[in-house]
Amino acid sequence: MLNESTPEILIAGIDVGGTKTLLILSDLTGKVLSKRKIATSPDADPDVFFQRLIGEIEAMAKETGQGSEAIAGMGFGFPGVVDEETGVLTNAPAFPWVRANVKESIRKFFKGPLYLDNDVNVAAMGEKWRGAAAGAQHFLMVTVGTGIGGALVLNDELYKGSAHSAGELGYFVIEAPAPESAATQAKPEIRFGHFEQTASGTAIGQRARQFFTARERKSPILDLVQGDISRIDAKHVLQAAAQGDEVAWSILEEPVTHMAIGIANAISILNPALVVIGGGVAEAGNVYLDAVRSKVRGFTPIEATIVPAKLGNEAGAIGAVAGAVKRLKTSILGRNQG
């Protein structure tokens, strides 16, 4: 009989990032028993890459005092679009693979219940299971960092859309691009969407560097980087804004306004009760979220509570565990009914 107090069961959650991968082992309740962060370093051969990851998980299982045989399920989050049925990974520019079948590769080294999904989807599942969205049946997850990602939970279920691409908020168009760039924006090889180019952490940093390159102004931002403009990124702008720096707020005005427009549009279309904002920019503190909340109220009369994510960089791995636990329980139920 499987229950949450079963001591010999381990579940693995793997959040595969573009540069770093977080691996955790937990029990059936989501209690983290072991975690490890390693360089992603994707090999040209997916089989080699997943053999290394699963080898790390098996080593972690031994360190807990159990063996690899205790690993009853695995969940993976990827920075790309995953078709869970076929196992094919697409739109994953961080990897040197073209339409790699990641499920086939993983199955060579692990035969148990398996959950595969997009990285923001698994982060949303983590926040729903053990974080800021616990108990929420309708919510939007937005991650703001290098890019912008999204995930939708509607009627208590993750909504993926017809091609497993729902929630790709980075491709929102907030305003019409300039005529000379319209054709460029439409090219399929463009990796970052219009929304990401104006409202992400990358965009904030780029906007700040351009600001100080074009003019001489005193600001705590420059103090934070010892005068080296090339080092400025979003966190420096947000730190200065928290100190009330007018220059920082002038840099943030457009990115924050665009973020508020995007969230307001999503609220108006989807009517979620909750919007959970995570990622490096949101983790900078209340200054960013307060500004976004204030502007959202001016763009839509439809109410939604906007809150910061609680699980930080563990959300994806914990969400991968949640998906794997669900697959394990479904598998056991199917065997019992059979």
C-alpha atoms as a PDB file:
ATOM      1  CA  MET A   1       0.000   0.000   0.000  1.00  0.00           C
ATOM      2  CA  LEU A   2       1.384   3.384  -1.071  1.00  0.00           C
ATOM      3  CA  ASN A   3       0.922   6.243   1.369  1.00  0.00           C
ATOM      4  CA  GLU A   4       2.745   9.441   2.285  1.00  0.00           C
ATOM      5  CA  SER A   5       4.517   7.819   5.238  1.00  0.00           C
ATOM      6  CA  THR A   6       6.054   5.041   3.142  1.00  0.00           C
ATOM      7  CA  PRO A   7       9.734   5.450   4.141  1.00  0.00           C
ATOM      8  CA  GLU A   8      11.441   3.472   1.410  1.00  0.00           C
ATOM      9  CA  ILE A   9      10.068   5.516  -1.495  1.00  0.00           C
ATOM     10  CA  LEU A  10      12.190   8.228  -3.112  1.00  0.00           C
ATOM     11  CA  ILE A  11      11.024  10.599  -5.843  1.00  0.00           C
ATOM     12  CA  ALA A  12      13.462  12.510  -8.028  1.00  0.00           C
ATOM     13  CA  GLY A  13      12.826  16.011  -9.365  1.00  0.00           C
ATOM     14  CA  ILE A  14      15.216  17.440 -11.950  1.00  0.00           C
ATOM     15  CA  ASP A  15      14.971  21.064 -13.108  1.00  0.00           C
ATOM     16  CA  VAL A  16      17.180  21.277 -16.192  1.00  0.00           C
ATOM     17  CA  GLY A  17      18.275  24.864 -16.801  1.00  0.00           C
ATOM     18  CA  GLY A  18      20.244  26.401 -19.613  1.00  0.00           C
ATOM     19  CA  THR A  19      23.407  26.593 -17.485  1.00  0.00           C
ATOM     20  CA  LYS A  20      22.614  24.869 -14.164  1.00  0.00           C
ATOM     21  CA  THR A  21      20.540  21.809 -13.255  1.00  0.00           C
ATOM     22  CA  LEU A  22      18.982  21.294  -9.819  1.00  0.00           C
ATOM     23  CA  LEU A  23      18.389  17.711  -8.689  1.00  0.00           C
ATOM     24  CA  ILE A  24      16.410  16.817  -5.584  1.00  0.00           C
ATOM     25  CA  LEU A  25      15.245  13.639  -3.903  1.00  0.00           C
ATOM     26  CA  SER A  26      12.136  13.814  -1.767  1.00  0.00           C
ATOM     27  CA  ASP A  27       9.620  11.621  -0.055  1.00  0.00           C
ATOM     28  CA  LEU A  28       6.007  11.375  -1.202  1.00  0.00           C
ATOM     29  CA  THR A  29       5.064  14.547   0.696  1.00  0.00           C
ATOM     30  CA  GLY A  30       7.598  16.726  -1.104  1.00  0.00           C
ATOM     31  CA  LYS A  31       9.989  16.898   1.842  1.00  0.00           C
ATOM     32  CA  VAL A  32      13.433  17.407   0.319  1.00  0.00           C
ATOM     33  CA  LEU A  33      15.867  14.749   1.535  1.00  0.00           C
ATOM     34  CA  SER A  34      18.800  15.589  -0.708  1.00  0.00           C
ATOM     35  CA  LYS A  35      19.615  18.203  -3.329  1.00  0.00           C
ATOM     36  CA  ARG A  36      22.483  18.950  -5.649  1.00  0.00           C
ATOM     37  CA  LYS A  37      23.160  21.626  -8.265  1.00  0.00           C
ATOM     38  CA  ILE A  38      25.427  20.827 -11.194  1.00  0.00           C
ATOM     39  CA  ALA A  39      26.456  22.433 -14.472  1.00  0.00           C
ATOM     40  CA  THR A  40      24.022  21.464 -17.219  1.00  0.00           C
ATOM     41  CA  SER A  41      26.750  20.994 -19.873  1.00  0.00           C
ATOM     42  CA  PRO A  42      24.512  19.304 -22.466  1.00  0.00           C
ATOM     43  CA  ASP A  43      26.349  16.662 -24.491  1.00  0.00           C
ATOM     44  CA  ALA A  44      25.810  16.410 -28.228  1.00  0.00           C
ATOM     45  CA  ASP A  45      24.321  12.971 -27.512  1.00  0.00           C
ATOM     46  CA  PRO A  46      21.170  13.172 -25.316  1.00  0.00           C
ATOM     47  CA  ASP A  47      21.768   9.617 -24.088  1.00  0.00           C
ATOM     48  CA  VAL A  48      25.102  10.629 -22.557  1.00  0.00           C
ATOM     49  CA  PHE A  49      23.528  13.682 -20.937  1.00  0.00           C
ATOM     50  CA  PHE A  50      20.697  11.752 -19.269  1.00  0.00           C
ATOM     51  CA  GLN A  51      22.949   8.905 -18.225  1.00  0.00           C
ATOM     52  CA  ARG A  52      25.005  11.484 -16.303  1.00  0.00           C
ATOM     53  CA  LEU A  53      21.942  13.081 -14.677  1.00  0.00           C
ATOM     54  CA  ILE A  54      20.428   9.777 -13.602  1.00  0.00           C
ATOM     55  CA  GLY A  55      23.815   8.639 -12.345  1.00  0.00           C
ATOM     56  CA  GLU A  56      23.877  11.735 -10.115  1.00  0.00           C
ATOM     57  CA  ILE A  57      20.396  10.911  -8.791  1.00  0.00           C
ATOM     58  CA  GLU A  58      21.384   7.315  -8.061  1.00  0.00           C
ATOM     59  CA  ALA A  59      24.466   8.522  -6.174  1.00  0.00           C
ATOM     60  CA  MET A  60      22.262  10.866  -4.125  1.00  0.00           C
ATOM     61  CA  ALA A  61      19.939   7.962  -3.299  1.00  0.00           C
ATOM     62  CA  LYS A  62      22.864   5.984  -1.911  1.00  0.00           C
ATOM     63  CA  GLU A  63      23.876   8.972   0.207  1.00  0.00           C
ATOM     64  CA  THR A  64      20.429   8.933   1.854  1.00  0.00           C
ATOM     65  CA  GLY A  65      21.115   5.377   3.035  1.00  0.00           C
ATOM     66  CA  GLN A  66      18.957   3.791   0.356  1.00  0.00           C
ATOM     67  CA  GLY A  67      19.818   2.512  -3.072  1.00  0.00           C
ATOM     68  CA  SER A  68      18.743   3.413  -6.579  1.00  0.00           C
ATOM     69  CA  GLU A  69      16.003   0.759  -6.303  1.00  0.00           C
ATOM     70  CA  ALA A  70      14.189   3.124  -3.886  1.00  0.00           C
ATOM     71  CA  ILE A  71      13.661   5.700  -6.676  1.00  0.00           C
ATOM     72  CA  ALA A  72      10.008   5.121  -7.545  1.00  0.00           C
ATOM     73  CA  GLY A  73       9.446   8.029  -9.925  1.00  0.00           C
ATOM     74  CA  MET A  74      11.200  10.852 -11.752  1.00  0.00           C
ATOM     75  CA  GLY A  75      10.093  14.247 -13.006  1.00  0.00           C
ATOM     76  CA  PHE A  76      11.978  16.563 -15.370  1.00  0.00           C
ATOM     77  CA  GLY A  77      11.482  20.221 -16.234  1.00  0.00           C
ATOM     78  CA  PHE A  78      13.093  21.546 -19.431  1.00  0.00           C
ATOM     79  CA  PRO A  79      13.687  25.040 -20.837  1.00  0.00           C
ATOM     80  CA  GLY A  80      11.680  24.231 -23.952  1.00  0.00           C
ATOM     81  CA  VAL A  81       8.444  22.689 -25.165  1.00  0.00           C
ATOM     82  CA  VAL A  82       7.980  19.013 -24.323  1.00  0.00           C
ATOM     83  CA  ASP A  83       5.344  16.767 -25.859  1.00  0.00           C
ATOM     84  CA  GLU A  84       4.872  14.402 -22.946  1.00  0.00           C
ATOM     85  CA  GLU A  85       3.237  11.729 -25.088  1.00  0.00           C
ATOM     86  CA  THR A  86       5.960  11.518 -27.730  1.00  0.00           C
ATOM     87  CA  GLY A  87       8.789  12.736 -25.504  1.00  0.00           C
ATOM     88  CA  VAL A  88      10.078  15.171 -28.141  1.00  0.00           C
ATOM     89  CA  LEU A  89      11.746  18.371 -26.920  1.00  0.00           C
ATOM     90  CA  THR A  90      11.543  21.464 -29.163  1.00  0.00           C
ATOM     91  CA  ASN A  91      12.175  25.210 -28.839  1.00  0.00           C
ATOM     92  CA  ALA A  92      15.119  24.573 -26.521  1.00  0.00           C
ATOM     93  CA  PRO A  93      17.934  26.819 -27.782  1.00  0.00           C
ATOM     94  CA  ALA A  94      20.161  26.002 -24.804  1.00  0.00           C
ATOM     95  CA  PHE A  95      20.646  22.464 -26.133  1.00  0.00           C
ATOM     96  CA  PRO A  96      22.484  21.268 -29.254  1.00  0.00           C
ATOM     97  CA  TRP A  97      19.645  18.883 -30.100  1.00  0.00           C
ATOM     98  CA  VAL A  98      17.056  19.167 -32.846  1.00  0.00           C
ATOM     99  CA  ARG A  99      13.740  17.574 -31.865  1.00  0.00           C
ATOM    100  CA  ALA A 100      15.437  15.182 -29.462  1.00  0.00           C
ATOM    101  CA  ASN A 101      13.259  12.422 -28.001  1.00  0.00           C
ATOM    102  CA  VAL A 102      14.212  12.927 -24.370  1.00  0.00           C
ATOM    103  CA  LYS A 103      11.769  10.279 -23.156  1.00  0.00           C
ATOM    104  CA  GLU A 104      13.514   7.582 -25.203  1.00  0.00           C
ATOM    105  CA  SER A 105      16.884   8.651 -23.812  1.00  0.00           C
ATOM    106  CA  ILE A 106      15.667   8.659 -20.186  1.00  0.00           C
ATOM    107  CA  ARG A 107      13.959   5.285 -20.616  1.00  0.00           C
ATOM    108  CA  LYS A 108      17.333   3.695 -21.331  1.00  0.00           C
ATOM    109  CA  PHE A 109      18.319   4.391 -17.727  1.00  0.00           C
ATOM    110  CA  PHE A 110      15.041   4.591 -15.794  1.00  0.00           C
ATOM    111  CA  LYS A 111      11.917   2.478 -16.340  1.00  0.00           C
ATOM    112  CA  GLY A 112       9.583   3.787 -13.613  1.00  0.00           C
ATOM    113  CA  PRO A 113       6.827   6.442 -13.676  1.00  0.00           C
ATOM    114  CA  LEU A 114       8.060   9.524 -15.507  1.00  0.00           C
ATOM    115  CA  TYR A 115       6.838  13.118 -15.766  1.00  0.00           C
ATOM    116  CA  LEU A 116       8.191  15.534 -18.389  1.00  0.00           C
ATOM    117  CA  ASP A 117       7.264  19.180 -18.832  1.00  0.00           C
ATOM    118  CA  ASN A 118       8.315  22.736 -19.550  1.00  0.00           C
ATOM    119  CA  ASP A 119      10.339  24.427 -16.793  1.00  0.00           C
ATOM    120  CA  VAL A 120       7.737  27.088 -15.986  1.00  0.00           C
ATOM    121  CA  ASN A 121       4.956  24.487 -15.899  1.00  0.00           C
ATOM    122  CA  VAL A 122       6.846  22.456 -13.314  1.00  0.00           C
ATOM    123  CA  ALA A 123       7.568  25.617 -11.308  1.00  0.00           C
ATOM    124  CA  ALA A 124       3.828  26.334 -11.296  1.00  0.00           C
ATOM    125  CA  MET A 125       3.161  22.791 -10.092  1.00  0.00           C
ATOM    126  CA  GLY A 126       5.707  23.283  -7.331  1.00  0.00           C
ATOM    127  CA  GLU A 127       4.065  26.515  -6.180  1.00  0.00           C
ATOM    128  CA  LYS A 128       0.661  24.831  -6.315  1.00  0.00           C
ATOM    129  CA  TRP A 129       1.812  21.834  -4.293  1.00  0.00           C
ATOM    130  CA  ARG A 130       3.995  23.469  -1.656  1.00  0.00           C
ATOM    131  CA  GLY A 131       4.162  27.190  -2.367  1.00  0.00           C
ATOM    132  CA  ALA A 132       2.320  30.441  -2.995  1.00  0.00           C
ATOM    133  CA  ALA A 133      -0.483  28.850  -5.058  1.00  0.00           C
ATOM    134  CA  ALA A 134      -1.373  26.089  -2.604  1.00  0.00           C
ATOM    135  CA  GLY A 135      -5.118  25.486  -2.846  1.00  0.00           C
ATOM    136  CA  ALA A 136      -5.586  27.757  -5.896  1.00  0.00           C
ATOM    137  CA  GLN A 137      -7.722  26.309  -8.701  1.00  0.00           C
ATOM    138  CA  HIS A 138      -7.219  29.163 -11.166  1.00  0.00           C
ATOM    139  CA  PHE A 139      -3.854  30.902 -11.313  1.00  0.00           C
ATOM    140  CA  LEU A 140      -1.222  32.285 -13.632  1.00  0.00           C
ATOM    141  CA  MET A 141       2.488  31.750 -13.008  1.00  0.00           C
ATOM    142  CA  VAL A 142       4.855  34.331 -14.486  1.00  0.00           C
ATOM    143  CA  THR A 143       8.641  34.076 -14.283  1.00  0.00           C
ATOM    144  CA  VAL A 144      10.701  37.189 -14.959  1.00  0.00           C
ATOM    145  CA  GLY A 145      14.417  36.698 -15.366  1.00  0.00           C
ATOM    146  CA  THR A 146      16.626  36.318 -18.416  1.00  0.00           C
ATOM    147  CA  GLY A 147      13.381  35.931 -20.358  1.00  0.00           C
ATOM    148  CA  ILE A 148       9.700  35.758 -19.445  1.00  0.00           C
ATOM    149  CA  GLY A 149       7.802  32.510 -19.014  1.00  0.00           C
ATOM    150  CA  GLY A 150       4.294  31.599 -18.032  1.00  0.00           C
ATOM    151  CA  ALA A 151       2.101  28.698 -16.986  1.00  0.00           C
ATOM    152  CA  LEU A 152      -1.663  28.428 -16.604  1.00  0.00           C
ATOM    153  CA  VAL A 153      -3.624  26.403 -14.081  1.00  0.00           C
ATOM    154  CA  LEU A 154      -7.333  26.472 -14.936  1.00  0.00           C
ATOM    155  CA  ASN A 155     -10.002  24.456 -13.132  1.00  0.00           C
ATOM    156  CA  ASP A 156      -7.266  22.937 -10.956  1.00  0.00           C
ATOM    157  CA  GLU A 157      -5.431  21.493 -13.983  1.00  0.00           C
ATOM    158  CA  LEU A 158      -2.346  22.636 -15.856  1.00  0.00           C
ATOM    159  CA  TYR A 159      -3.507  23.949 -19.227  1.00  0.00           C
ATOM    160  CA  LYS A 160      -1.049  23.188 -22.043  1.00  0.00           C
ATOM    161  CA  GLY A 161      -2.947  24.097 -25.209  1.00  0.00           C
ATOM    162  CA  SER A 162      -3.185  22.259 -28.517  1.00  0.00           C
ATOM    163  CA  ALA A 163       0.584  22.102 -29.101  1.00  0.00           C
ATOM    164  CA  HIS A 164       1.834  22.062 -25.478  1.00  0.00           C
ATOM    165  CA  SER A 165       2.787  25.744 -25.835  1.00  0.00           C
ATOM    166  CA  ALA A 166       0.207  27.535 -23.660  1.00  0.00           C
ATOM    167  CA  GLY A 167       1.682  30.134 -21.340  1.00  0.00           C
ATOM    168  CA  GLU A 168       4.456  31.340 -23.660  1.00  0.00           C
ATOM    169  CA  LEU A 169       4.026  34.883 -22.378  1.00  0.00           C
ATOM    170  CA  GLY A 170       7.386  35.993 -23.715  1.00  0.00           C
ATOM    171  CA  TYR A 171       5.779  36.247 -27.159  1.00  0.00           C
ATOM    172  CA  PHE A 172       3.048  38.664 -26.054  1.00  0.00           C
ATOM    173  CA  VAL A 173       2.996  41.748 -28.280  1.00  0.00           C
ATOM    174  CA  ILE A 174       2.437  44.772 -26.047  1.00  0.00           C
ATOM    175  CA  GLU A 175       2.779  47.399 -28.760  1.00  0.00           C
ATOM    176  CA  ALA A 176       3.247  47.343 -32.521  1.00  0.00           C
ATOM    177  CA  PRO A 177       6.932  47.043 -33.467  1.00  0.00           C
ATOM    178  CA  ALA A 178       8.530  49.747 -35.565  1.00  0.00           C
ATOM    179  CA  PRO A 179       7.938  49.174 -39.314  1.00  0.00           C
ATOM    180  CA  GLU A 180      11.592  48.475 -40.002  1.00  0.00           C
ATOM    181  CA  SER A 181      11.698  45.737 -37.333  1.00  0.00           C
ATOM    182  CA  ALA A 182       8.315  44.095 -38.003  1.00  0.00           C
ATOM    183  CA  ALA A 183       9.730  41.595 -40.499  1.00  0.00           C
ATOM    184  CA  THR A 184      12.613  40.775 -38.179  1.00  0.00           C
ATOM    185  CA  GLN A 185      10.255  40.149 -35.261  1.00  0.00           C
ATOM    186  CA  ALA A 186       8.350  37.598 -37.362  1.00  0.00           C
ATOM    187  CA  LYS A 187      11.352  35.460 -38.234  1.00  0.00           C
ATOM    188  CA  PRO A 188      11.078  32.025 -36.562  1.00  0.00           C
ATOM    189  CA  GLU A 189      14.746  31.944 -35.569  1.00  0.00           C
ATOM    190  CA  ILE A 190      14.280  34.904 -33.183  1.00  0.00           C
ATOM    191  CA  ARG A 191      14.756  33.419 -29.738  1.00  0.00           C
ATOM    192  CA  PHE A 192      13.245  36.157 -27.590  1.00  0.00           C
ATOM    193  CA  GLY A 193       9.718  37.420 -27.976  1.00  0.00           C
ATOM    194  CA  HIS A 194       8.625  41.053 -28.042  1.00  0.00           C
ATOM    195  CA  PHE A 195       7.476  41.028 -24.405  1.00  0.00           C
ATOM    196  CA  GLU A 196      10.818  39.598 -23.259  1.00  0.00           C
ATOM    197  CA  GLN A 197      12.687  42.230 -25.242  1.00  0.00           C
ATOM    198  CA  THR A 198      10.956  45.024 -23.327  1.00  0.00           C
ATOM    199  CA  ALA A 199      10.055  43.689 -19.871  1.00  0.00           C
ATOM    200  CA  SER A 200      12.490  40.936 -18.839  1.00  0.00           C
ATOM    201  CA  GLY A 201      15.449  41.232 -16.511  1.00  0.00           C
ATOM    202  CA  THR A 202      17.684  41.166 -19.584  1.00  0.00           C
ATOM    203  CA  ALA A 203      15.754  44.127 -21.005  1.00  0.00           C
ATOM    204  CA  ILE A 204      16.055  46.099 -17.754  1.00  0.00           C
ATOM    205  CA  GLY A 205      19.821  45.579 -17.663  1.00  0.00           C
ATOM    206  CA  GLN A 206      20.239  46.490 -21.317  1.00  0.00           C
ATOM    207  CA  ARG A 207      18.106  49.607 -20.895  1.00  0.00           C
ATOM    208  CA  ALA A 208      20.222  50.722 -17.929  1.00  0.00           C
ATOM    209  CA  ARG A 209      23.515  50.214 -19.764  1.00  0.00           C
ATOM    210  CA  GLN A 210      22.232  52.213 -22.724  1.00  0.00           C
ATOM    211  CA  PHE A 211      21.065  54.974 -20.372  1.00  0.00           C
ATOM    212  CA  PHE A 212      24.467  55.471 -18.740  1.00  0.00           C
ATOM    213  CA  THR A 213      26.384  55.065 -21.979  1.00  0.00           C
ATOM    214  CA  ALA A 214      24.407  57.902 -23.543  1.00  0.00           C
ATOM    215  CA  ARG A 215      24.642  60.383 -20.639  1.00  0.00           C
ATOM    216  CA  GLU A 216      26.506  61.168 -17.431  1.00  0.00           C
ATOM    217  CA  ARG A 217      24.260  60.905 -14.374  1.00  0.00           C
ATOM    218  CA  LYS A 218      24.939  60.172 -10.733  1.00  0.00           C
ATOM    219  CA  SER A 219      23.130  57.147  -9.377  1.00  0.00           C
ATOM    220  CA  PRO A 220      23.551  54.405  -6.765  1.00  0.00           C
ATOM    221  CA  ILE A 221      23.437  52.031  -9.744  1.00  0.00           C
ATOM    222  CA  LEU A 222      26.942  53.135 -10.724  1.00  0.00           C
ATOM    223  CA  ASP A 223      28.128  52.821  -7.135  1.00  0.00           C
ATOM    224  CA  LEU A 224      26.933  49.216  -7.046  1.00  0.00           C
ATOM    225  CA  VAL A 225      29.122  48.329 -10.050  1.00  0.00           C
ATOM    226  CA  GLN A 226      32.081  50.561  -9.095  1.00  0.00           C
ATOM    227  CA  GLY A 227      31.431  52.718 -12.166  1.00  0.00           C
ATOM    228  CA  ASP A 228      31.701  49.824 -14.646  1.00  0.00           C
ATOM    229  CA  ILE A 229      28.654  50.304 -16.900  1.00  0.00           C
ATOM    230  CA  SER A 230      29.176  46.929 -18.591  1.00  0.00           C
ATOM    231  CA  ARG A 231      28.436  45.169 -15.280  1.00  0.00           C
ATOM    232  CA  ILE A 232      25.004  46.713 -14.745  1.00  0.00           C
ATOM    233  CA  ASP A 233      22.093  44.282 -14.698  1.00  0.00           C
ATOM    234  CA  ALA A 234      18.513  44.258 -13.451  1.00  0.00           C
ATOM    235  CA  LYS A 235      19.391  43.568  -9.812  1.00  0.00           C
ATOM    236  CA  HIS A 236      21.445  46.772  -9.581  1.00  0.00           C
ATOM    237  CA  VAL A 237      18.601  48.836 -11.014  1.00  0.00           C
ATOM    238  CA  LEU A 238      16.120  47.272  -8.569  1.00  0.00           C
ATOM    239  CA  GLN A 239      18.432  47.779  -5.603  1.00  0.00           C
ATOM    240  CA  ALA A 240      18.777  51.462  -6.482  1.00  0.00           C
ATOM    241  CA  ALA A 241      15.022  51.800  -7.005  1.00  0.00           C
ATOM    242  CA  ALA A 242      14.474  50.395  -3.504  1.00  0.00           C
ATOM    243  CA  GLN A 243      16.601  53.297  -2.241  1.00  0.00           C
ATOM    244  CA  GLY A 244      14.309  55.749  -4.028  1.00  0.00           C
ATOM    245  CA  ASP A 245      16.742  56.576  -6.846  1.00  0.00           C
ATOM    246  CA  GLU A 246      14.938  58.609  -9.521  1.00  0.00           C
ATOM    247  CA  VAL A 247      17.286  57.423 -12.264  1.00  0.00           C
ATOM    248  CA  ALA A 248      16.515  53.788 -11.465  1.00  0.00           C
ATOM    249  CA  TRP A 249      12.785  54.487 -11.570  1.00  0.00           C
ATOM    250  CA  SER A 250      13.097  56.236 -14.920  1.00  0.00           C
ATOM    251  CA  ILE A 251      14.838  53.129 -16.295  1.00  0.00           C
ATOM    252  CA  LEU A 252      12.185  50.834 -14.812  1.00  0.00           C
ATOM    253  CA  GLU A 253       9.172  52.821 -15.987  1.00  0.00           C
ATOM    254  CA  GLU A 254       8.786  51.192 -19.406  1.00  0.00           C
ATOM    255  CA  PRO A 255       9.643  47.577 -18.407  1.00  0.00           C
ATOM    256  CA  VAL A 256       7.302  47.731 -15.392  1.00  0.00           C
ATOM    257  CA  THR A 257       4.516  49.305 -17.451  1.00  0.00           C
ATOM    258  CA  HIS A 258       4.860  46.638 -20.128  1.00  0.00           C
ATOM    259  CA  MET A 259       4.850  43.882 -17.505  1.00  0.00           C
ATOM    260  CA  ALA A 260       1.685  45.338 -15.973  1.00  0.00           C
ATOM    261  CA  ILE A 261       0.018  45.536 -19.401  1.00  0.00           C
ATOM    262  CA  GLY A 262       0.884  41.891 -20.112  1.00  0.00           C
ATOM    263  CA  ILE A 263      -0.414  40.694 -16.756  1.00  0.00           C
ATOM    264  CA  ALA A 264      -3.549  42.839 -17.023  1.00  0.00           C
ATOM    265  CA  ASN A 265      -4.283  41.381 -20.463  1.00  0.00           C
ATOM    266  CA  ALA A 266      -3.884  37.848 -19.116  1.00  0.00           C
ATOM    267  CA  ILE A 267      -6.128  38.629 -16.132  1.00  0.00           C
ATOM    268  CA  SER A 268      -8.790  40.070 -18.431  1.00  0.00           C
ATOM    269  CA  ILE A 269      -8.759  37.005 -20.690  1.00  0.00           C
ATOM    270  CA  LEU A 270      -8.390  34.241 -18.102  1.00  0.00           C
ATOM    271  CA  ASN A 271      -9.837  35.668 -14.871  1.00  0.00           C
ATOM    272  CA  PRO A 272      -7.408  33.862 -12.539  1.00  0.00           C
ATOM    273  CA  ALA A 273      -7.858  34.366  -8.817  1.00  0.00           C
ATOM    274  CA  LEU A 274      -4.106  34.540  -8.355  1.00  0.00           C
ATOM    275  CA  VAL A 275      -0.986  35.625 -10.238  1.00  0.00           C
ATOM    276  CA  VAL A 276       2.288  34.210  -8.891  1.00  0.00           C
ATOM    277  CA  ILE A 277       5.405  36.060 -10.025  1.00  0.00           C
ATOM    278  CA  GLY A 278       8.776  34.360  -9.723  1.00  0.00           C
ATOM    279  CA  GLY A 279      12.224  34.525 -11.290  1.00  0.00           C
ATOM    280  CA  GLY A 280      15.254  36.636 -10.516  1.00  0.00           C
ATOM    281  CA  VAL A 281      13.576  40.011 -11.028  1.00  0.00           C
ATOM    282  CA  ALA A 282      10.605  39.232  -8.788  1.00  0.00           C
ATOM    283  CA  GLU A 283      12.930  37.876  -6.104  1.00  0.00           C
ATOM    284  CA  ALA A 284      14.561  41.320  -5.825  1.00  0.00           C
ATOM    285  CA  GLY A 285      11.902  42.359  -3.324  1.00  0.00           C
ATOM    286  CA  ASN A 286       8.663  44.259  -2.929  1.00  0.00           C
ATOM    287  CA  VAL A 287       9.738  47.288  -4.920  1.00  0.00           C
ATOM    288  CA  TYR A 288       9.142  45.554  -8.255  1.00  0.00           C
ATOM    289  CA  LEU A 289       5.941  43.742  -7.306  1.00  0.00           C
ATOM    290  CA  ASP A 290       4.413  46.826  -5.695  1.00  0.00           C
ATOM    291  CA  ALA A 291       5.009  48.843  -8.861  1.00  0.00           C
ATOM    292  CA  VAL A 292       3.520  46.118 -11.061  1.00  0.00           C
ATOM    293  CA  ARG A 293       0.469  45.703  -8.802  1.00  0.00           C
ATOM    294  CA  SER A 294      -0.219  49.426  -8.839  1.00  0.00           C
ATOM    295  CA  LYS A 295      -0.127  49.649 -12.616  1.00  0.00           C
ATOM    296  CA  VAL A 296      -2.181  46.485 -13.178  1.00  0.00           C
ATOM    297  CA  ARG A 297      -5.027  48.024 -11.194  1.00  0.00           C
ATOM    298  CA  GLY A 298      -5.042  50.888 -13.665  1.00  0.00           C
ATOM    299  CA  PHE A 299      -5.337  48.606 -16.700  1.00  0.00           C
ATOM    300  CA  THR A 300      -8.128  46.186 -15.742  1.00  0.00           C
ATOM    301  CA  PRO A 301     -11.073  46.284 -13.329  1.00  0.00           C
ATOM    302  CA  ILE A 302     -10.954  42.493 -12.971  1.00  0.00           C
ATOM    303  CA  GLU A 303      -9.373  41.602  -9.668  1.00  0.00           C
ATOM    304  CA  ALA A 304      -6.608  39.091  -9.104  1.00  0.00           C
ATOM    305  CA  THR A 305      -4.202  38.799  -6.195  1.00  0.00           C
ATOM    306  CA  ILE A 306      -0.581  39.234  -7.269  1.00  0.00           C
ATOM    307  CA  VAL A 307       1.932  37.497  -5.007  1.00  0.00           C
ATOM    308  CA  PRO A 308       5.618  36.539  -5.089  1.00  0.00           C
ATOM    309  CA  ALA A 309       6.595  32.905  -5.554  1.00  0.00           C
ATOM    310  CA  LYS A 310       7.620  31.172  -2.316  1.00  0.00           C
ATOM    311  CA  LEU A 311       9.857  28.312  -3.405  1.00  0.00           C
ATOM    312  CA  GLY A 312      12.566  30.289  -5.183  1.00  0.00           C
ATOM    313  CA  ASN A 313      14.868  28.277  -7.396  1.00  0.00           C
ATOM    314  CA  GLU A 314      13.560  24.992  -5.957  1.00  0.00           C
ATOM    315  CA  ALA A 315      10.070  25.460  -7.423  1.00  0.00           C
ATOM    316  CA  GLY A 316      10.850  23.629 -10.664  1.00  0.00           C
ATOM    317  CA  ALA A 317      12.432  20.588  -9.044  1.00  0.00           C
ATOM    318  CA  ILE A 318       9.656  20.361  -6.433  1.00  0.00           C
ATOM    319  CA  GLY A 319       7.047  20.651  -9.184  1.00  0.00           C
ATOM    320  CA  ALA A 320       8.805  17.870 -11.090  1.00  0.00           C
ATOM    321  CA  VAL A 321       8.484  15.748  -7.952  1.00  0.00           C
ATOM    322  CA  ALA A 322       4.768  16.592  -7.746  1.00  0.00           C
ATOM    323  CA  GLY A 323       4.253  15.418 -11.322  1.00  0.00           C
ATOM    324  CA  ALA A 324       6.210  12.226 -10.699  1.00  0.00           C
ATOM    325  CA  VAL A 325       4.193  11.466  -7.544  1.00  0.00           C
ATOM    326  CA  LYS A 326       0.982  11.864  -9.538  1.00  0.00           C
ATOM    327  CA  ARG A 327       2.299   9.498 -12.241  1.00  0.00           C
ATOM    328  CA  LEU A 328       3.321   6.965  -9.592  1.00  0.00           C
ATOM    329  CA  LYS A 329      -0.099   7.001  -7.940  1.00  0.00           C
ATOM    330  CA  THR A 330      -1.821   6.679 -11.323  1.00  0.00           C
ATOM    331  CA  SER A 331       0.427   3.748 -12.204  1.00  0.00           C
ATOM    332  CA  ILE A 332      -0.328   1.936  -8.931  1.00  0.00           C
ATOM    333  CA  LEU A 333      -4.060   2.603  -9.274  1.00  0.00           C
ATOM    334  CA  GLY A 334      -3.994   1.170 -12.788  1.00  0.00           C
ATOM    335  CA  ARG A 335      -2.224  -1.981 -11.612  1.00  0.00           C
ATOM    336  CA  ASN A 336      -4.686  -2.437  -8.742  1.00  0.00           C
ATOM    337  CA  GLN A 337      -7.669  -2.048 -11.052  1.00  0.00           C
ATOM    338  CA  GLY A 338      -6.123  -4.443 -13.526  1.00  0.00           C
END
